[in-house]
Amino acid sequence: MPPVGHRRAPVLRWLALLVAAVLFLLPFFALVRDGLAAGWSTVTDLFSDMEIPFARSLLNSTVVAVLQTAGQLLLCSLAGYGLARVPYRHAGRVLAAVVATLMVPTAVTFVPSFVVVSSLGWLSDLRGLVVPGLFSALNVFLFRQYFLDFPQALEEAGRIDGLSRWGVYWRIVVPNSLGFAAAIAVIDFIGSWNQFLWPLIIAQDSSTWTVQVALSSLLTAQNPRVTLLFAGAAVSILPIVGVFVVLQRYLVRGVAETGLTG
């Protein structure tokens, strides 16, 4: 018969998880409760408000988040794979330069980025929202570290079968990296969806507002519409929940394994 302490350990773990789950879900419960305090008509009022194009802002946020996530996965994985596998004398210096950009505060880059976007005529344009976020130095570093542990035997087998370096990457490396890529995709999508300051500066026309900018317009000193704000916040988290549900099996595998072993 197992000791009493061994029998109590699973119960204590489940209790700890239950308490953590309640604490985690409590803000979401309060959000939905306050947003629907006046009934489902609150959601209808939110989407029918002529001053705030909430439906359009949801579409804009979806477009921006999807394009930025896809762009970062493609560009950063290619850059990380190149730094990990392509023989180049200055690869170490390039990596050091990429990593060094992580130490530059984001606020420092706002003014030069705004000047560039403005000179291209991308103010109040989705291109101004999407293009500056297509590259991430952190993701390049993470992909490089992942590809360093990727089994080279699989790549060599592809080269023997006549695949080019691009063919090896696209047909062998990518399919075997879906778990890790999904973990990066979830983080990127949430980060892009929750952007506020950059869209606030670039999206000067309401037709290009993202959902975060639209939500901020509901809370003003002159006319704070708290109920609509809570309802909008509750609606705005649904795409994030959907992405997590779709990618959770890949996310768990990517976090658990972090990579393949040779």
Protein backbone atom coordinates (compact mmCIF):
# COMPACT_ATOMS: atom_id res chain seq x y z
CA MET A 1 0.00 0.00 0.00
CA PRO A 2 1.53 3.36 -0.99
CA PRO A 3 2.31 5.85 1.77
CA VAL A 4 -0.27 8.49 2.63
CA GLY A 5 1.96 11.24 1.25
CA HIS A 6 2.07 9.55 -2.17
CA ARG A 7 -1.74 9.28 -2.26
CA ARG A 8 -2.16 12.94 -1.36
CA ALA A 9 0.30 14.28 -3.95
CA PRO A 10 -2.02 13.87 -7.01
CA VAL A 11 -4.91 15.43 -5.06
CA LEU A 12 -2.79 18.42 -4.09
CA ARG A 13 -1.64 18.85 -7.68
CA TRP A 14 -5.22 18.80 -8.95
CA LEU A 15 -6.27 21.31 -6.29
CA ALA A 16 -3.40 23.61 -7.23
CA LEU A 17 -4.35 23.37 -10.92
CA LEU A 18 -8.00 24.04 -10.07
CA VAL A 19 -7.11 27.16 -8.08
CA ALA A 20 -4.81 28.39 -10.86
CA ALA A 21 -7.54 27.77 -13.48
CA VAL A 22 -10.11 29.71 -11.45
CA LEU A 23 -7.74 32.64 -10.97
CA PHE A 24 -6.90 32.60 -14.68
CA LEU A 25 -10.52 32.43 -15.87
CA LEU A 26 -11.93 34.93 -13.37
CA PRO A 27 -10.98 38.04 -15.44
CA PHE A 28 -12.55 36.49 -18.55
CA PHE A 29 -15.73 35.71 -16.62
CA ALA A 30 -15.90 39.31 -15.38
CA LEU A 31 -15.28 40.55 -18.93
CA VAL A 32 -18.14 38.53 -20.43
CA ARG A 33 -20.47 39.24 -17.50
CA ASP A 34 -20.00 43.01 -17.65
CA GLY A 35 -20.08 43.06 -21.44
CA LEU A 36 -23.40 41.21 -21.58
CA ALA A 37 -24.90 42.86 -18.50
CA ALA A 38 -27.52 44.57 -20.67
CA GLY A 39 -28.09 41.46 -22.79
CA TRP A 40 -27.06 40.46 -26.31
CA SER A 41 -28.28 43.83 -27.54
CA THR A 42 -24.94 45.21 -26.35
CA VAL A 43 -23.12 43.22 -29.02
CA THR A 44 -25.64 44.37 -31.62
CA ASP A 45 -25.11 47.99 -30.58
CA LEU A 46 -21.36 47.47 -30.81
CA PHE A 47 -21.48 46.37 -34.45
CA SER A 48 -24.14 48.91 -35.45
CA ASP A 49 -22.30 51.93 -34.02
CA MET A 50 -21.71 54.31 -36.94
CA GLU A 51 -18.85 56.18 -35.25
CA ILE A 52 -16.73 53.08 -34.62
CA PRO A 53 -16.41 50.54 -37.47
CA PHE A 54 -15.87 47.58 -35.16
CA ALA A 55 -16.52 44.89 -37.77
CA ARG A 56 -14.02 46.54 -40.13
CA SER A 57 -11.47 46.81 -37.32
CA LEU A 58 -11.81 43.07 -36.65
CA LEU A 59 -11.19 42.37 -40.32
CA ASN A 60 -8.17 44.70 -40.36
CA SER A 61 -6.68 43.06 -37.28
CA THR A 62 -7.21 39.62 -38.81
CA VAL A 63 -5.51 40.60 -42.06
CA VAL A 64 -2.59 42.24 -40.27
CA ALA A 65 -2.10 39.39 -37.79
CA VAL A 66 -2.33 36.63 -40.42
CA LEU A 67 0.03 38.35 -42.87
CA GLN A 68 2.56 39.28 -40.20
CA THR A 69 2.52 35.79 -38.71
CA ALA A 70 2.91 34.11 -42.10
CA GLY A 71 5.61 36.58 -43.13
CA GLN A 72 7.59 36.10 -39.95
CA LEU A 73 7.39 32.32 -40.18
CA LEU A 74 8.67 32.38 -43.77
CA LEU A 75 11.33 35.09 -43.53
CA CYS A 76 12.60 34.28 -40.05
CA SER A 77 12.74 30.53 -40.66
CA LEU A 78 14.66 31.10 -43.90
CA ALA A 79 17.08 33.45 -42.16
CA GLY A 80 17.48 31.06 -39.23
CA TYR A 81 18.03 28.09 -41.54
CA GLY A 82 20.60 30.04 -43.55
CA LEU A 83 22.51 31.01 -40.42
CA ALA A 84 22.41 27.43 -39.15
CA ARG A 85 23.23 25.55 -42.34
CA VAL A 86 24.65 27.73 -45.14
CA PRO A 87 28.46 27.92 -44.82
CA TYR A 88 29.41 31.58 -44.72
CA ARG A 89 32.50 33.14 -43.26
CA HIS A 90 30.68 36.05 -41.65
CA ALA A 91 27.65 34.08 -40.40
CA GLY A 92 28.67 34.68 -36.79
CA ARG A 93 28.89 38.43 -37.32
CA VAL A 94 25.54 38.51 -39.07
CA LEU A 95 23.98 36.62 -36.17
CA ALA A 96 25.59 39.00 -33.68
CA ALA A 97 24.21 41.98 -35.60
CA VAL A 98 20.72 40.45 -35.65
CA VAL A 99 20.80 39.66 -31.93
CA ALA A 100 22.17 43.13 -31.15
CA THR A 101 18.98 44.67 -32.53
CA LEU A 102 17.09 43.02 -29.66
CA MET A 103 18.79 45.45 -27.28
CA VAL A 104 17.38 48.47 -29.13
CA PRO A 105 14.18 49.68 -27.40
CA THR A 106 11.13 49.57 -29.63
CA ALA A 107 10.30 53.19 -28.83
CA VAL A 108 13.61 54.29 -30.36
CA THR A 109 12.63 52.88 -33.77
CA PHE A 110 9.18 54.48 -33.88
CA VAL A 111 10.25 57.82 -35.32
CA PRO A 112 12.49 56.48 -38.14
CA SER A 113 9.92 53.78 -38.94
CA PHE A 114 7.18 56.39 -39.12
CA VAL A 115 9.31 58.57 -41.41
CA VAL A 116 9.93 55.64 -43.76
CA VAL A 117 6.28 54.57 -43.81
CA SER A 118 5.15 58.17 -44.33
CA SER A 119 7.60 58.71 -47.20
CA LEU A 120 6.23 55.60 -48.91
CA GLY A 121 2.69 56.94 -48.63
CA TRP A 122 1.56 54.09 -46.39
CA LEU A 123 -0.19 56.14 -43.69
CA SER A 124 -3.76 54.91 -43.16
CA ASP A 125 -2.84 51.93 -45.31
CA LEU A 126 -2.65 48.27 -44.35
CA ARG A 127 0.83 48.08 -45.88
CA GLY A 128 2.05 50.49 -43.22
CA LEU A 129 0.66 48.18 -40.55
CA VAL A 130 1.87 44.89 -42.00
CA VAL A 131 5.28 45.42 -43.61
CA PRO A 132 7.23 46.79 -40.58
CA GLY A 133 6.24 43.69 -38.61
CA LEU A 134 7.28 41.04 -41.13
CA PHE A 135 10.66 40.41 -39.50
CA SER A 136 11.67 39.55 -35.95
CA ALA A 137 15.25 39.23 -34.76
CA LEU A 138 14.13 37.06 -31.85
CA ASN A 139 12.39 34.61 -34.16
CA VAL A 140 15.49 34.42 -36.37
CA PHE A 141 17.57 33.50 -33.32
CA LEU A 142 15.00 30.92 -32.14
CA PHE A 143 14.76 29.28 -35.56
CA ARG A 144 18.55 29.17 -35.86
CA GLN A 145 18.86 27.44 -32.51
CA TYR A 146 16.16 24.99 -33.51
CA PHE A 147 17.75 24.17 -36.86
CA LEU A 148 21.15 23.62 -35.26
CA ASP A 149 19.65 20.55 -33.57
CA PHE A 150 17.75 19.41 -36.65
CA PRO A 151 19.09 15.99 -37.77
CA GLN A 152 21.41 16.56 -40.71
CA ALA A 153 20.96 12.95 -41.82
CA LEU A 154 17.49 13.83 -43.11
CA GLU A 155 18.89 16.74 -45.10
CA GLU A 156 21.72 14.65 -46.51
CA ALA A 157 19.23 12.00 -47.61
CA GLY A 158 17.31 14.69 -49.47
CA ARG A 159 20.44 15.96 -51.17
CA ILE A 160 21.28 12.41 -52.27
CA ASP A 161 17.79 12.16 -53.80
CA GLY A 162 18.60 15.23 -55.90
CA LEU A 163 16.89 17.97 -53.91
CA SER A 164 18.35 21.46 -53.98
CA ARG A 165 18.96 23.38 -50.77
CA TRP A 166 15.56 25.04 -51.23
CA GLY A 167 13.96 21.63 -51.86
CA VAL A 168 15.52 20.24 -48.68
CA TYR A 169 14.21 23.19 -46.71
CA TRP A 170 10.70 23.14 -48.16
CA ARG A 171 10.10 19.38 -48.43
CA ILE A 172 12.06 18.02 -45.46
CA VAL A 173 12.83 20.73 -42.91
CA VAL A 174 9.48 22.55 -42.95
CA PRO A 175 7.20 19.46 -42.60
CA ASN A 176 9.31 18.23 -39.66
CA SER A 177 9.27 21.64 -37.94
CA LEU A 178 5.51 22.20 -37.74
CA GLY A 179 5.38 21.83 -33.96
CA PHE A 180 8.01 24.46 -33.35
CA ALA A 181 6.61 26.74 -36.05
CA ALA A 182 3.12 26.48 -34.52
CA ALA A 183 4.47 27.57 -31.14
CA ILE A 184 6.10 30.59 -32.79
CA ALA A 185 2.94 31.27 -34.82
CA VAL A 186 0.70 31.43 -31.75
CA ILE A 187 3.02 33.88 -30.02
CA ASP A 188 3.38 36.02 -33.15
CA PHE A 189 -0.35 36.08 -33.83
CA ILE A 190 -1.19 37.16 -30.29
CA GLY A 191 1.52 39.83 -30.34
CA SER A 192 0.34 41.18 -33.67
CA TRP A 193 -3.32 41.10 -32.66
CA ASN A 194 -2.60 43.02 -29.45
CA GLN A 195 -0.54 45.79 -31.07
CA PHE A 196 -1.79 49.22 -30.11
CA LEU A 197 0.73 52.06 -30.30
CA TRP A 198 1.96 51.47 -33.89
CA PRO A 199 -1.57 51.04 -35.36
CA LEU A 200 -2.68 54.10 -33.39
CA ILE A 201 0.00 56.18 -35.11
CA ILE A 202 -0.31 54.71 -38.62
CA ALA A 203 -4.06 54.07 -38.88
CA GLN A 204 -5.12 57.72 -38.92
CA ASP A 205 -8.32 56.92 -40.82
CA SER A 206 -11.06 54.90 -39.12
CA SER A 207 -11.25 52.55 -42.12
CA THR A 208 -7.79 51.20 -41.24
CA TRP A 209 -8.28 50.97 -37.46
CA THR A 210 -7.36 47.70 -35.83
CA VAL A 211 -9.50 46.25 -33.08
CA GLN A 212 -7.29 47.65 -30.30
CA VAL A 213 -7.58 51.18 -31.68
CA ALA A 214 -11.34 50.77 -32.04
CA LEU A 215 -11.60 49.62 -28.43
CA SER A 216 -9.60 52.61 -27.21
CA SER A 217 -12.03 54.95 -28.95
CA LEU A 218 -14.82 53.57 -26.77
CA LEU A 219 -13.18 54.92 -23.64
CA THR A 220 -12.89 58.68 -23.83
CA ALA A 221 -13.10 61.33 -21.13
CA GLN A 222 -16.11 62.91 -22.82
CA ASN A 223 -18.15 59.74 -23.44
CA PRO A 224 -16.88 56.59 -21.73
CA ARG A 225 -18.92 53.62 -22.98
CA VAL A 226 -17.73 50.99 -20.56
CA THR A 227 -20.38 48.38 -21.37
CA LEU A 228 -19.56 48.48 -25.09
CA LEU A 229 -15.87 48.37 -24.22
CA PHE A 230 -16.28 45.15 -22.23
CA ALA A 231 -18.42 43.62 -24.99
CA GLY A 232 -15.85 44.59 -27.63
CA ALA A 233 -13.01 43.17 -25.54
CA ALA A 234 -14.90 39.90 -25.13
CA VAL A 235 -15.48 39.66 -28.89
CA SER A 236 -11.89 40.59 -29.68
CA ILE A 237 -10.43 37.63 -27.77
CA LEU A 238 -12.42 35.06 -29.76
CA PRO A 239 -9.95 34.94 -32.71
CA ILE A 240 -7.07 34.36 -30.29
CA VAL A 241 -8.96 31.53 -28.61
CA GLY A 242 -9.72 30.07 -32.05
CA VAL A 243 -6.07 30.14 -33.09
CA PHE A 244 -5.05 28.45 -29.86
CA VAL A 245 -7.69 25.72 -30.22
CA VAL A 246 -6.63 24.98 -33.81
CA LEU A 247 -2.89 24.95 -33.11
CA GLN A 248 -2.83 23.60 -29.56
CA ARG A 249 -1.77 20.07 -30.51
CA TYR A 250 1.15 21.47 -32.50
CA LEU A 251 1.88 23.98 -29.77
CA VAL A 252 2.12 21.35 -27.05
CA ARG A 253 4.36 19.17 -29.22
CA GLY A 254 6.57 22.11 -30.13
CA VAL A 255 7.01 23.26 -26.54
CA ALA A 256 7.56 19.73 -25.26
CA GLU A 257 10.08 18.62 -27.84
CA THR A 258 11.60 21.98 -28.96
CA GLY A 259 13.24 20.08 -31.81
CA LEU A 260 14.26 16.75 -33.27
CA THR A 261 17.28 14.80 -32.18
CA GLY A 262 19.71 13.20 -34.53
